[in-house]
């Protein structure tokens, strides 16, 4: 089973939430609709600004764990390398 690592935020250079899922469109929909109680919901992280697909979900989980230990500036550089305007990528998933 494949998996995704993703980052959602509440605004450009705002609060960042890193997650992992097998169903990226479904999971981001849950964030957008406020159906995910916890950190992302508390801080209004609804905008998908970065994601990465992995062939195996276990690889995605490992990448997520690694990225959660990164400095914030590294995460921002990663996002801006793919998405310099911090556009919401949700609509590109369909």
N, C-alpha and C. Protein backbone atom coordinates (compact mmCIF):
# COMPACT_ATOMS: atom_id res chain seq x y z
N UNK A 1 0.85 -1.18 0.00
CA UNK A 1 0.00 0.00 0.00
C UNK A 1 0.89 1.23 0.00
N UNK A 2 0.53 2.22 -0.84
CA UNK A 2 1.30 3.45 -0.90
C UNK A 2 0.84 4.41 0.19
N UNK A 3 1.63 5.44 0.40
CA UNK A 3 1.30 6.42 1.43
C UNK A 3 1.82 7.79 1.06
N UNK A 4 1.35 8.78 1.77
CA UNK A 4 1.72 10.17 1.55
C UNK A 4 2.14 10.82 2.86
N UNK A 5 3.14 11.66 2.77
CA UNK A 5 3.48 12.58 3.85
C UNK A 5 3.01 13.94 3.36
N UNK A 6 2.42 14.73 4.24
CA UNK A 6 1.87 16.00 3.79
C UNK A 6 2.05 17.06 4.88
N UNK A 7 1.97 18.31 4.44
CA UNK A 7 2.02 19.44 5.36
C UNK A 7 0.81 20.32 5.08
N UNK A 8 0.06 20.62 6.13
CA UNK A 8 -1.02 21.61 6.05
C UNK A 8 -0.67 22.76 6.98
N UNK A 9 -1.22 23.93 6.67
CA UNK A 9 -0.93 25.14 7.44
C UNK A 9 -2.17 26.00 7.55
N UNK A 10 -2.10 26.99 8.41
CA UNK A 10 -3.21 27.93 8.54
C UNK A 10 -2.98 29.20 7.72
N UNK A 11 -1.73 29.48 7.35
CA UNK A 11 -1.40 30.66 6.54
C UNK A 11 0.04 30.54 6.05
N UNK A 12 0.42 31.42 5.16
CA UNK A 12 1.81 31.43 4.67
C UNK A 12 2.75 31.62 5.85
N UNK A 13 3.68 30.70 5.99
CA UNK A 13 4.66 30.69 7.08
C UNK A 13 4.00 30.64 8.46
N UNK A 14 2.79 30.10 8.50
CA UNK A 14 2.05 29.98 9.75
C UNK A 14 2.36 28.67 10.45
N UNK A 15 1.41 28.20 11.23
CA UNK A 15 1.55 26.94 11.95
C UNK A 15 1.59 25.79 10.95
N UNK A 16 2.53 24.87 11.14
CA UNK A 16 2.68 23.73 10.24
C UNK A 16 2.27 22.45 10.94
N UNK A 17 1.56 21.58 10.21
CA UNK A 17 1.21 20.26 10.71
C UNK A 17 1.68 19.25 9.68
N UNK A 18 2.45 18.28 10.11
CA UNK A 18 2.93 17.21 9.23
C UNK A 18 2.16 15.94 9.57
N UNK A 19 1.63 15.30 8.54
CA UNK A 19 0.87 14.07 8.74
C UNK A 19 1.22 13.03 7.71
N UNK A 20 0.65 11.85 7.90
CA UNK A 20 0.84 10.74 6.96
C UNK A 20 -0.51 10.06 6.75
N UNK A 21 -0.74 9.59 5.53
CA UNK A 21 -2.01 8.96 5.20
C UNK A 21 -1.88 8.09 3.96
N UNK A 22 -2.80 7.16 3.80
CA UNK A 22 -2.89 6.38 2.57
C UNK A 22 -3.86 7.03 1.59
N UNK A 23 -4.71 7.93 2.06
CA UNK A 23 -5.73 8.58 1.24
C UNK A 23 -5.59 10.10 1.39
N UNK A 24 -4.72 10.70 0.58
CA UNK A 24 -4.44 12.13 0.72
C UNK A 24 -5.66 13.01 0.47
N UNK A 25 -6.40 12.83 -0.62
CA UNK A 25 -7.57 13.69 -0.81
C UNK A 25 -8.57 13.59 0.34
N UNK A 26 -8.82 12.38 0.81
CA UNK A 26 -9.76 12.19 1.92
C UNK A 26 -9.28 12.82 3.21
N UNK A 27 -8.01 12.67 3.49
CA UNK A 27 -7.46 13.21 4.73
C UNK A 27 -7.46 14.74 4.72
N UNK A 28 -7.07 15.34 3.59
CA UNK A 28 -7.06 16.80 3.51
C UNK A 28 -8.49 17.32 3.58
N UNK A 29 -9.43 16.62 2.99
CA UNK A 29 -10.84 17.00 3.10
C UNK A 29 -11.24 17.06 4.58
N UNK A 30 -10.82 16.07 5.35
CA UNK A 30 -11.13 16.05 6.79
C UNK A 30 -10.55 17.28 7.49
N UNK A 31 -9.32 17.66 7.13
CA UNK A 31 -8.72 18.86 7.72
C UNK A 31 -9.53 20.10 7.32
N UNK A 32 -9.88 20.21 6.06
CA UNK A 32 -10.59 21.38 5.55
C UNK A 32 -11.95 21.56 6.21
N UNK A 33 -12.59 20.45 6.51
CA UNK A 33 -13.94 20.50 7.09
C UNK A 33 -13.93 20.50 8.62
N UNK A 34 -12.77 20.47 9.22
CA UNK A 34 -12.67 20.49 10.68
C UNK A 34 -13.09 19.18 11.33
N UNK A 35 -12.88 18.07 10.64
CA UNK A 35 -13.30 16.76 11.13
C UNK A 35 -12.19 16.02 11.87
N UNK A 36 -11.07 16.69 12.10
CA UNK A 36 -9.91 16.05 12.72
C UNK A 36 -9.55 16.75 14.02
N UNK A 37 -10.17 16.38 15.13
CA UNK A 37 -9.82 17.03 16.39
C UNK A 37 -8.35 16.80 16.73
N UNK A 38 -7.73 17.80 17.29
CA UNK A 38 -6.32 17.69 17.64
C UNK A 38 -5.58 18.95 17.23
N UNK A 39 -4.28 18.82 17.07
CA UNK A 39 -3.40 19.95 16.80
C UNK A 39 -3.82 20.74 15.56
N UNK A 40 -3.99 20.05 14.43
CA UNK A 40 -4.31 20.74 13.18
C UNK A 40 -5.64 21.48 13.28
N UNK A 41 -6.61 20.87 13.91
CA UNK A 41 -7.92 21.51 14.09
C UNK A 41 -7.79 22.73 15.01
N UNK A 42 -7.07 22.56 16.13
CA UNK A 42 -6.90 23.64 17.10
C UNK A 42 -6.30 24.89 16.47
N UNK A 43 -5.34 24.71 15.57
CA UNK A 43 -4.65 25.85 14.97
C UNK A 43 -5.15 26.20 13.58
N UNK A 44 -6.23 25.57 13.13
CA UNK A 44 -6.83 25.92 11.84
C UNK A 44 -6.00 25.56 10.63
N UNK A 45 -5.25 24.49 10.72
CA UNK A 45 -4.40 24.06 9.60
C UNK A 45 -5.26 23.32 8.57
N UNK A 46 -5.60 24.02 7.50
CA UNK A 46 -6.51 23.47 6.49
C UNK A 46 -5.94 23.52 5.08
N UNK A 47 -4.87 24.27 4.87
CA UNK A 47 -4.31 24.49 3.54
C UNK A 47 -3.18 23.49 3.26
N UNK A 48 -3.36 22.64 2.27
CA UNK A 48 -2.32 21.69 1.86
C UNK A 48 -1.26 22.44 1.07
N UNK A 49 -0.04 22.48 1.60
CA UNK A 49 1.02 23.24 0.92
C UNK A 49 2.16 22.37 0.41
N UNK A 50 2.20 21.10 0.82
CA UNK A 50 3.27 20.21 0.37
C UNK A 50 2.83 18.77 0.60
N UNK A 51 3.23 17.89 -0.31
CA UNK A 51 3.04 16.46 -0.09
C UNK A 51 4.04 15.66 -0.90
N UNK A 52 4.22 14.43 -0.50
CA UNK A 52 5.19 13.54 -1.13
C UNK A 52 4.61 12.13 -1.08
N UNK A 53 4.60 11.46 -2.22
CA UNK A 53 4.07 10.10 -2.27
C UNK A 53 5.20 9.09 -2.09
N UNK A 54 4.89 8.01 -1.38
CA UNK A 54 5.83 6.91 -1.18
C UNK A 54 5.18 5.61 -1.62
N UNK A 55 5.96 4.74 -2.18
CA UNK A 55 5.44 3.47 -2.67
C UNK A 55 4.86 2.63 -1.53
N UNK A 56 5.52 2.68 -0.38
CA UNK A 56 5.07 1.90 0.79
C UNK A 56 4.70 2.84 1.93
N UNK A 57 3.62 2.53 2.60
CA UNK A 57 3.16 3.36 3.73
C UNK A 57 4.21 3.40 4.84
N UNK A 58 4.94 2.32 5.04
CA UNK A 58 5.96 2.31 6.09
C UNK A 58 7.06 3.32 5.80
N UNK A 59 7.37 3.54 4.52
CA UNK A 59 8.35 4.56 4.15
C UNK A 59 7.82 5.95 4.42
N UNK A 60 6.53 6.15 4.15
CA UNK A 60 5.90 7.45 4.42
C UNK A 60 5.91 7.73 5.92
N UNK A 61 5.61 6.73 6.72
CA UNK A 61 5.61 6.89 8.18
C UNK A 61 7.01 7.26 8.67
N UNK A 62 8.02 6.60 8.15
CA UNK A 62 9.39 6.91 8.56
C UNK A 62 9.78 8.33 8.18
N UNK A 63 9.38 8.75 6.98
CA UNK A 63 9.69 10.12 6.52
C UNK A 63 8.99 11.14 7.42
N UNK A 64 7.72 10.88 7.76
CA UNK A 64 6.99 11.79 8.65
C UNK A 64 7.70 11.93 9.99
N UNK A 65 8.09 10.81 10.57
CA UNK A 65 8.78 10.85 11.87
C UNK A 65 10.07 11.65 11.78
N UNK A 66 10.79 11.46 10.70
CA UNK A 66 12.04 12.19 10.49
C UNK A 66 11.78 13.69 10.36
N UNK A 67 10.80 14.05 9.54
CA UNK A 67 10.51 15.47 9.29
C UNK A 67 10.01 16.18 10.54
N UNK A 68 9.33 15.49 11.42
CA UNK A 68 8.84 16.11 12.64
C UNK A 68 9.99 16.54 13.56
N UNK A 69 11.17 15.99 13.34
CA UNK A 69 12.35 16.38 14.13
C UNK A 69 13.13 17.51 13.47
N UNK A 70 12.75 17.90 12.28
CA UNK A 70 13.45 18.96 11.56
C UNK A 70 13.24 20.32 12.21
N UNK A 71 14.19 21.21 11.95
CA UNK A 71 14.00 22.62 12.31
C UNK A 71 12.90 23.20 11.42
N UNK A 72 12.20 24.17 11.95
CA UNK A 72 11.11 24.81 11.21
C UNK A 72 11.60 25.38 9.87
N UNK A 73 12.75 26.02 9.86
CA UNK A 73 13.27 26.63 8.63
C UNK A 73 13.50 25.58 7.54
N UNK A 74 13.91 24.37 7.89
CA UNK A 74 14.08 23.30 6.90
C UNK A 74 12.73 22.96 6.27
N UNK A 75 11.68 22.90 7.08
CA UNK A 75 10.34 22.60 6.58
C UNK A 75 9.87 23.71 5.64
N UNK A 76 10.14 24.94 6.00
CA UNK A 76 9.74 26.07 5.16
C UNK A 76 10.47 26.02 3.83
N UNK A 77 11.76 25.71 3.83
CA UNK A 77 12.53 25.59 2.58
C UNK A 77 11.97 24.48 1.70
N UNK A 78 11.58 23.37 2.33
CA UNK A 78 11.00 22.25 1.58
C UNK A 78 9.70 22.70 0.89
N UNK A 79 8.83 23.37 1.63
CA UNK A 79 7.56 23.85 1.07
C UNK A 79 7.83 24.83 -0.06
N UNK A 80 8.67 25.81 0.18
CA UNK A 80 8.90 26.86 -0.81
C UNK A 80 9.65 26.36 -2.03
N UNK A 81 10.35 25.23 -1.92
CA UNK A 81 10.99 24.63 -3.08
C UNK A 81 9.98 24.09 -4.07
N UNK A 82 8.86 23.61 -3.59
CA UNK A 82 7.79 23.07 -4.43
C UNK A 82 6.69 24.11 -4.67
N UNK A 83 6.43 24.90 -3.67
CA UNK A 83 5.25 25.76 -3.67
C UNK A 83 5.61 27.14 -3.09
N UNK A 84 6.35 27.96 -3.85
CA UNK A 84 6.85 29.23 -3.31
C UNK A 84 5.76 30.20 -2.87
N UNK A 85 4.57 30.11 -3.43
CA UNK A 85 3.47 31.02 -3.07
C UNK A 85 2.59 30.45 -1.96
N UNK A 86 2.90 29.26 -1.49
CA UNK A 86 2.11 28.60 -0.45
C UNK A 86 0.65 28.43 -0.89
N UNK A 87 0.46 28.13 -2.17
CA UNK A 87 -0.89 27.89 -2.69
C UNK A 87 -1.48 26.64 -2.07
N UNK A 88 -2.79 26.58 -1.99
CA UNK A 88 -3.49 25.38 -1.53
C UNK A 88 -3.49 24.36 -2.65
N UNK A 89 -2.83 23.23 -2.43
CA UNK A 89 -2.68 22.20 -3.45
C UNK A 89 -3.83 21.21 -3.48
N UNK A 90 -4.79 21.38 -2.62
CA UNK A 90 -5.89 20.42 -2.52
C UNK A 90 -6.58 20.22 -3.87
N UNK A 91 -6.81 21.30 -4.59
CA UNK A 91 -7.55 21.21 -5.85
C UNK A 91 -6.73 20.54 -6.97
N UNK A 92 -5.44 20.38 -6.77
CA UNK A 92 -4.62 19.69 -7.76
C UNK A 92 -4.67 18.18 -7.58
N UNK A 93 -5.27 17.71 -6.51
CA UNK A 93 -5.31 16.27 -6.23
C UNK A 93 -6.36 15.54 -7.04
N UNK A 94 -7.39 16.19 -7.47
CA UNK A 94 -8.51 15.53 -8.15
C UNK A 94 -8.23 15.32 -9.60
